[in-house]
PDB file of N, CA and C in Angstrom:
ATOM      1  N   PRO A   1     -18.034  18.667   1.215  1.00  0.00           N
ATOM      2  CA  PRO A   1     -18.958  18.890   2.034  1.00  0.00           C
ATOM      3  C   PRO A   1     -19.215  18.202   2.666  1.00  0.00           C
ATOM      4  N   PHE A   2     -19.956  18.881   4.004  1.00  0.00           N
ATOM      5  CA  PHE A   2     -20.116  18.004   5.176  1.00  0.00           C
ATOM      6  C   PHE A   2     -21.562  17.908   5.370  1.00  0.00           C
ATOM      7  N   TYR A   3     -22.081  16.800   4.828  1.00  0.00           N
ATOM      8  CA  TYR A   3     -23.234  16.125   5.260  1.00  0.00           C
ATOM      9  C   TYR A   3     -23.731  15.754   6.640  1.00  0.00           C
ATOM     10  N   SER A   4     -23.421  15.718   7.457  1.00  0.00           N
ATOM     11  CA  SER A   4     -23.442  15.570   8.919  1.00  0.00           C
ATOM     12  C   SER A   4     -25.199  14.865   8.893  1.00  0.00           C
ATOM     13  N   GLU A   5     -24.737  13.552   8.195  1.00  0.00           N
ATOM     14  CA  GLU A   5     -26.450  12.264   8.645  1.00  0.00           C
ATOM     15  C   GLU A   5     -25.074  11.309   9.087  1.00  0.00           C
ATOM     16  N   ASP A   6     -26.297  10.399   9.755  1.00  0.00           N
ATOM     17  CA  ASP A   6     -26.050   9.224  10.372  1.00  0.00           C
ATOM     18  C   ASP A   6     -26.873   8.362   9.778  1.00  0.00           C
ATOM     19  N   PHE A   7     -26.164   7.157   9.431  1.00  0.00           N
ATOM     20  CA  PHE A   7     -26.668   5.549   9.317  1.00  0.00           C
ATOM     21  C   PHE A   7     -26.373   4.465  10.265  1.00  0.00           C
ATOM     22  N   TYR A   8     -27.304   3.991  10.313  1.00  0.00           N
ATOM     23  CA  TYR A   8     -27.615   2.709  11.188  1.00  0.00           C
ATOM     24  C   TYR A   8     -27.747   1.644  10.659  1.00  0.00           C
ATOM     25  N   PHE A   9     -27.051   0.493  10.143  1.00  0.00           N
ATOM     26  CA  PHE A   9     -27.291  -0.435  10.039  1.00  0.00           C
ATOM     27  C   PHE A   9     -27.289  -1.498  10.600  1.00  0.00           C
ATOM     28  N   GLU A  10     -27.473  -3.025  10.199  1.00  0.00           N
ATOM     29  CA  GLU A  10     -26.399  -4.133  10.369  1.00  0.00           C
ATOM     30  C   GLU A  10     -25.440  -4.931   9.019  1.00  0.00           C
ATOM     31  N   ILE A  11     -24.550  -5.250   9.815  1.00  0.00           N
ATOM     32  CA  ILE A  11     -23.677  -5.382   8.727  1.00  0.00           C
ATOM     33  C   ILE A  11     -23.491  -7.146   8.701  1.00  0.00           C
ATOM     34  N   PRO A  12     -23.379  -7.657   7.658  1.00  0.00           N
ATOM     35  CA  PRO A  12     -23.627  -9.185   7.491  1.00  0.00           C
ATOM     36  C   PRO A  12     -22.179  -9.718   7.903  1.00  0.00           C
ATOM     37  N   ARG A  13     -22.164 -10.967   8.636  1.00  0.00           N
ATOM     38  CA  ARG A  13     -20.874 -11.591   9.062  1.00  0.00           C
ATOM     39  C   ARG A  13     -19.537 -11.723   8.071  1.00  0.00           C
ATOM     40  N   PRO A  14     -20.497 -12.312   7.113  1.00  0.00           N
ATOM     41  CA  PRO A  14     -19.486 -12.963   6.185  1.00  0.00           C
ATOM     42  C   PRO A  14     -18.790 -11.747   4.928  1.00  0.00           C
ATOM     43  N   PHE A  15     -17.828 -10.680   5.148  1.00  0.00           N
ATOM     44  CA  PHE A  15     -17.793  -9.894   4.458  1.00  0.00           C
ATOM     45  C   PHE A  15     -16.216  -9.505   4.358  1.00  0.00           C
ATOM     46  N   GLN A  16     -15.814  -8.723   3.198  1.00  0.00           N
ATOM     47  CA  GLN A  16     -14.219  -8.557   3.465  1.00  0.00           C
ATOM     48  C   GLN A  16     -13.887  -7.177   3.533  1.00  0.00           C
ATOM     49  N   CYS A  17     -14.988  -6.335   2.890  1.00  0.00           N
ATOM     50  CA  CYS A  17     -14.767  -4.984   2.912  1.00  0.00           C
ATOM     51  C   CYS A  17     -16.261  -4.137   2.710  1.00  0.00           C
ATOM     52  N   LEU A  18     -16.386  -3.053   3.829  1.00  0.00           N
ATOM     53  CA  LEU A  18     -17.313  -2.295   3.790  1.00  0.00           C
ATOM     54  C   LEU A  18     -17.277  -1.138   2.947  1.00  0.00           C
ATOM     55  N   SER A  19     -18.079  -0.583   1.907  1.00  0.00           N
ATOM     56  CA  SER A  19     -17.893   0.157   1.002  1.00  0.00           C
ATOM     57  C   SER A  19     -18.989   1.432   1.327  1.00  0.00           C
ATOM     58  N   PHE A  20     -18.819   2.590   1.294  1.00  0.00           N
ATOM     59  CA  PHE A  20     -19.867   3.683   0.973  1.00  0.00           C
ATOM     60  C   PHE A  20     -19.753   4.333  -0.108  1.00  0.00           C
ATOM     61  N   TYR A  21     -20.809   4.666  -0.995  1.00  0.00           N
ATOM     62  CA  TYR A  21     -20.512   5.096  -2.263  1.00  0.00           C
ATOM     63  C   TYR A  21     -21.352   7.073  -1.831  1.00  0.00           C
ATOM     64  N   VAL A  22     -20.715   7.401  -2.433  1.00  0.00           N
ATOM     65  CA  VAL A  22     -21.623   8.919  -2.363  1.00  0.00           C
ATOM     66  C   VAL A  22     -21.725   9.233  -4.019  1.00  0.00           C
ATOM     67  N   TYR A  23     -23.372   9.636  -3.966  1.00  0.00           N
ATOM     68  CA  TYR A  23     -23.145  10.062  -5.645  1.00  0.00           C
ATOM     69  C   TYR A  23     -24.001  11.554  -5.298  1.00  0.00           C
ATOM     70  N   THR A  24     -23.941  12.064  -6.558  1.00  0.00           N
ATOM     71  CA  THR A  24     -24.936  13.000  -6.673  1.00  0.00           C
ATOM     72  C   THR A  24     -25.996  13.243  -7.377  1.00  0.00           C
ATOM     73  N   LYS A  25     -26.836  13.897  -7.281  1.00  0.00           N
ATOM     74  CA  LYS A  25     -28.308  13.641  -7.777  1.00  0.00           C
ATOM     75  C   LYS A  25     -27.848  15.028  -9.108  1.00  0.00           C
ATOM     76  N   SER A  26     -28.402  14.285  -9.995  1.00  0.00           N
ATOM     77  CA  SER A  26     -28.533  15.117 -11.231  1.00  0.00           C
ATOM     78  C   SER A  26     -29.798  15.298 -12.032  1.00  0.00           C
ATOM     79  N   MET A  27     -30.011  16.659 -12.330  1.00  0.00           N
ATOM     80  CA  MET A  27     -31.378  16.957 -12.689  1.00  0.00           C
ATOM     81  C   MET A  27     -31.322  17.076 -14.256  1.00  0.00           C
ATOM     82  N   PHE A  28     -30.065  16.944 -14.793  1.00  0.00           N
ATOM     83  CA  PHE A  28     -29.987  16.908 -16.186  1.00  0.00           C
ATOM     84  C   PHE A  28     -29.760  15.387 -16.708  1.00  0.00           C
ATOM     85  N   GLN A  29     -29.369  14.716 -15.781  1.00  0.00           N
ATOM     86  CA  GLN A  29     -28.809  13.222 -16.495  1.00  0.00           C
ATOM     87  C   GLN A  29     -29.742  11.997 -16.199  1.00  0.00           C
ATOM     88  N   ILE A  30     -29.533  11.024 -16.543  1.00  0.00           N
ATOM     89  CA  ILE A  30     -30.702   9.952 -16.298  1.00  0.00           C
ATOM     90  C   ILE A  30     -30.587   9.424 -15.359  1.00  0.00           C
ATOM     91  N   ARG A  31     -29.296   8.809 -14.619  1.00  0.00           N
ATOM     92  CA  ARG A  31     -28.752   8.794 -13.561  1.00  0.00           C
ATOM     93  C   ARG A  31     -27.900   9.304 -12.367  1.00  0.00           C
ATOM     94  N   ASP A  32     -27.622   8.662 -11.255  1.00  0.00           N
ATOM     95  CA  ASP A  32     -26.973  10.098 -10.595  1.00  0.00           C
ATOM     96  C   ASP A  32     -25.605   9.685 -10.778  1.00  0.00           C
ATOM     97  N   LEU A  33     -24.770  10.564 -10.467  1.00  0.00           N
ATOM     98  CA  LEU A  33     -23.404  10.563 -10.681  1.00  0.00           C
ATOM     99  C   LEU A  33     -22.880  10.097  -9.463  1.00  0.00           C
ATOM    100  N   PRO A  34     -21.413   9.224  -9.553  1.00  0.00           N
ATOM    101  CA  PRO A  34     -20.743   9.111  -8.449  1.00  0.00           C
ATOM    102  C   PRO A  34     -19.153  10.510  -8.097  1.00  0.00           C
ATOM    103  N   VAL A  35     -19.912  10.546  -6.787  1.00  0.00           N
ATOM    104  CA  VAL A  35     -18.646  11.605  -6.283  1.00  0.00           C
ATOM    105  C   VAL A  35     -17.098  10.892  -5.578  1.00  0.00           C
ATOM    106  N   GLY A  36     -17.479   9.746  -5.178  1.00  0.00           N
ATOM    107  CA  GLY A  36     -16.348   8.952  -4.470  1.00  0.00           C
ATOM    108  C   GLY A  36     -16.850   7.443  -3.510  1.00  0.00           C
ATOM    109  N   LYS A  37     -16.015   7.085  -3.183  1.00  0.00           N
ATOM    110  CA  LYS A  37     -16.284   6.229  -2.092  1.00  0.00           C
ATOM    111  C   LYS A  37     -14.984   5.920  -0.815  1.00  0.00           C
ATOM    112  N   VAL A  38     -15.689   5.682   0.300  1.00  0.00           N
ATOM    113  CA  VAL A  38     -14.322   4.743   1.221  1.00  0.00           C
ATOM    114  C   VAL A  38     -14.949   3.411   1.187  1.00  0.00           C
ATOM    115  N   ALA A  39     -13.857   2.738   1.502  1.00  0.00           N
ATOM    116  CA  ALA A  39     -13.758   1.516   1.861  1.00  0.00           C
ATOM    117  C   ALA A  39     -13.063   1.556   3.037  1.00  0.00           C
ATOM    118  N   ILE A  40     -13.644   0.288   3.955  1.00  0.00           N
ATOM    119  CA  ILE A  40     -12.436  -0.461   5.209  1.00  0.00           C
ATOM    120  C   ILE A  40     -12.821  -1.800   5.623  1.00  0.00           C
ATOM    121  N   ARG A  41     -11.666  -2.142   5.264  1.00  0.00           N
ATOM    122  CA  ARG A  41     -11.229  -3.415   5.427  1.00  0.00           C
ATOM    123  C   ARG A  41     -12.344  -4.023   6.836  1.00  0.00           C
ATOM    124  N   LYS A  42     -12.417  -5.494   6.889  1.00  0.00           N
ATOM    125  CA  LYS A  42     -13.171  -5.855   8.085  1.00  0.00           C
ATOM    126  C   LYS A  42     -12.278  -5.961   9.543  1.00  0.00           C
ATOM    127  N   GLU A  43     -11.103  -6.124   8.923  1.00  0.00           N
ATOM    128  CA  GLU A  43      -9.815  -6.119  10.180  1.00  0.00           C
ATOM    129  C   GLU A  43      -9.476  -4.940  10.841  1.00  0.00           C
ATOM    130  N   ASP A  44     -10.030  -3.737   9.875  1.00  0.00           N
ATOM    131  CA  ASP A  44      -9.777  -2.368  10.500  1.00  0.00           C
ATOM    132  C   ASP A  44     -10.934  -2.019  11.048  1.00  0.00           C
ATOM    133  N   LEU A  45     -11.943  -2.345  10.996  1.00  0.00           N
ATOM    134  CA  LEU A  45     -12.832  -1.798  11.628  1.00  0.00           C
ATOM    135  C   LEU A  45     -12.861  -1.581  13.208  1.00  0.00           C
ATOM    136  N   TYR A  46     -12.393  -2.162  13.911  1.00  0.00           N
ATOM    137  CA  TYR A  46     -12.263  -1.912  15.289  1.00  0.00           C
ATOM    138  C   TYR A  46     -11.676  -0.574  15.355  1.00  0.00           C
ATOM    139  N   LYS A  47     -10.822   0.305  14.663  1.00  0.00           N
ATOM    140  CA  LYS A  47      -9.878   1.556  14.904  1.00  0.00           C
ATOM    141  C   LYS A  47     -10.873   2.286  15.103  1.00  0.00           C
ATOM    142  N   TYR A  48     -12.096   2.423  14.582  1.00  0.00           N
ATOM    143  CA  TYR A  48     -13.189   3.083  14.324  1.00  0.00           C
ATOM    144  C   TYR A  48     -14.422   3.213  15.406  1.00  0.00           C
ATOM    145  N   CYS A  49     -14.429   2.205  16.171  1.00  0.00           N
ATOM    146  CA  CYS A  49     -15.412   1.685  17.108  1.00  0.00           C
ATOM    147  C   CYS A  49     -15.909   2.987  18.071  1.00  0.00           C
ATOM    148  N   GLY A  50     -16.572   3.455  17.922  1.00  0.00           N
ATOM    149  CA  GLY A  50     -16.999   4.287  18.862  1.00  0.00           C
ATOM    150  C   GLY A  50     -16.601   5.713  19.106  1.00  0.00           C
ATOM    151  N   LYS A  51     -15.945   5.850  17.757  1.00  0.00           N
ATOM    152  CA  LYS A  51     -15.121   7.091  17.573  1.00  0.00           C
ATOM    153  C   LYS A  51     -15.803   7.923  16.524  1.00  0.00           C
ATOM    154  N   GLU A  52     -15.725   9.404  16.393  1.00  0.00           N
ATOM    155  CA  GLU A  52     -16.168   9.524  15.369  1.00  0.00           C
ATOM    156  C   GLU A  52     -14.939   9.799  14.519  1.00  0.00           C
ATOM    157  N   ASN A  53     -14.748   9.885  12.669  1.00  0.00           N
ATOM    158  CA  ASN A  53     -14.105   9.629  12.199  1.00  0.00           C
ATOM    159  C   ASN A  53     -14.182  10.550  10.878  1.00  0.00           C
ATOM    160  N   TRP A  54     -13.093  10.910  10.496  1.00  0.00           N
ATOM    161  CA  TRP A  54     -13.385  11.113   8.717  1.00  0.00           C
ATOM    162  C   TRP A  54     -12.832  10.891   8.024  1.00  0.00           C
ATOM    163  N   PHE A  55     -12.994  10.509   6.815  1.00  0.00           N
ATOM    164  CA  PHE A  55     -12.718   9.465   5.841  1.00  0.00           C
ATOM    165  C   PHE A  55     -12.271  10.585   4.332  1.00  0.00           C
ATOM    166  N   GLN A  56     -11.116   9.927   3.779  1.00  0.00           N
ATOM    167  CA  GLN A  56     -11.430  11.051   2.544  1.00  0.00           C
ATOM    168  C   GLN A  56     -11.761  10.385   1.124  1.00  0.00           C
ATOM    169  N   LEU A  57     -12.587  10.884   0.461  1.00  0.00           N
ATOM    170  CA  LEU A  57     -13.261   9.845  -0.620  1.00  0.00           C
ATOM    171  C   LEU A  57     -12.082   9.692  -1.877  1.00  0.00           C
ATOM    172  N   GLN A  58     -12.790   8.443  -1.738  1.00  0.00           N
ATOM    173  CA  GLN A  58     -11.371   7.730  -3.214  1.00  0.00           C
ATOM    174  C   GLN A  58     -12.292   7.688  -4.224  1.00  0.00           C
ATOM    175  N   PRO A  59     -11.394   8.181  -5.779  1.00  0.00           N
ATOM    176  CA  PRO A  59     -12.171   7.916  -6.854  1.00  0.00           C
ATOM    177  C   PRO A  59     -12.983   6.634  -7.198  1.00  0.00           C
ATOM    178  N   VAL A  60     -14.041   6.830  -7.709  1.00  0.00           N
ATOM    179  CA  VAL A  60     -14.610   5.510  -8.160  1.00  0.00           C
ATOM    180  C   VAL A  60     -14.772   5.350  -9.478  1.00  0.00           C
ATOM    181  N   ASP A  61     -14.045   4.136  -9.579  1.00  0.00           N
ATOM    182  CA  ASP A  61     -13.703   3.507 -11.126  1.00  0.00           C
ATOM    183  C   ASP A  61     -14.704   2.714 -11.842  1.00  0.00           C
ATOM    184  N   PRO A  62     -15.583   3.536 -12.569  1.00  0.00           N
ATOM    185  CA  PRO A  62     -16.722   2.463 -12.961  1.00  0.00           C
ATOM    186  C   PRO A  62     -16.319   0.927 -13.868  1.00  0.00           C
ATOM    187  N   HIS A  63     -15.351   0.993 -14.080  1.00  0.00           N
ATOM    188  CA  HIS A  63     -14.966  -0.060 -15.209  1.00  0.00           C
ATOM    189  C   HIS A  63     -14.203  -1.235 -14.439  1.00  0.00           C
ATOM    190  N   SER A  64     -13.871  -0.799 -12.929  1.00  0.00           N
ATOM    191  CA  SER A  64     -13.327  -1.766 -11.781  1.00  0.00           C
ATOM    192  C   SER A  64     -14.309  -2.277 -11.051  1.00  0.00           C
ATOM    193  N   GLU A  65     -15.288  -1.327 -10.717  1.00  0.00           N
ATOM    194  CA  GLU A  65     -16.362  -1.955  -9.718  1.00  0.00           C
ATOM    195  C   GLU A  65     -17.020  -3.115  -9.522  1.00  0.00           C
ATOM    196  N   VAL A  66     -17.308  -4.021  -8.696  1.00  0.00           N
ATOM    197  CA  VAL A  66     -18.000  -4.798  -8.443  1.00  0.00           C
ATOM    198  C   VAL A  66     -19.145  -4.564  -7.531  1.00  0.00           C
ATOM    199  N   GLN A  67     -20.491  -5.149  -7.962  1.00  0.00           N
ATOM    200  CA  GLN A  67     -21.293  -4.905  -7.131  1.00  0.00           C
ATOM    201  C   GLN A  67     -22.497  -5.888  -7.327  1.00  0.00           C
TER     202      GLN A  67
END
């Protein structure tokens, strides 16, 4: 799917990895279900600065995720 949405936000300086999670709304379940995630390491962010990029969603493992 193509969502075509722009997001603007501040990122705190002390971080190691920037992660975006994509969820699907479920009418029949109590909570939303994760579709996948994109994780970018801090030292790799400069590669994407000022460029439009596509990222492949990675699976979300609910047993190993720390939030």
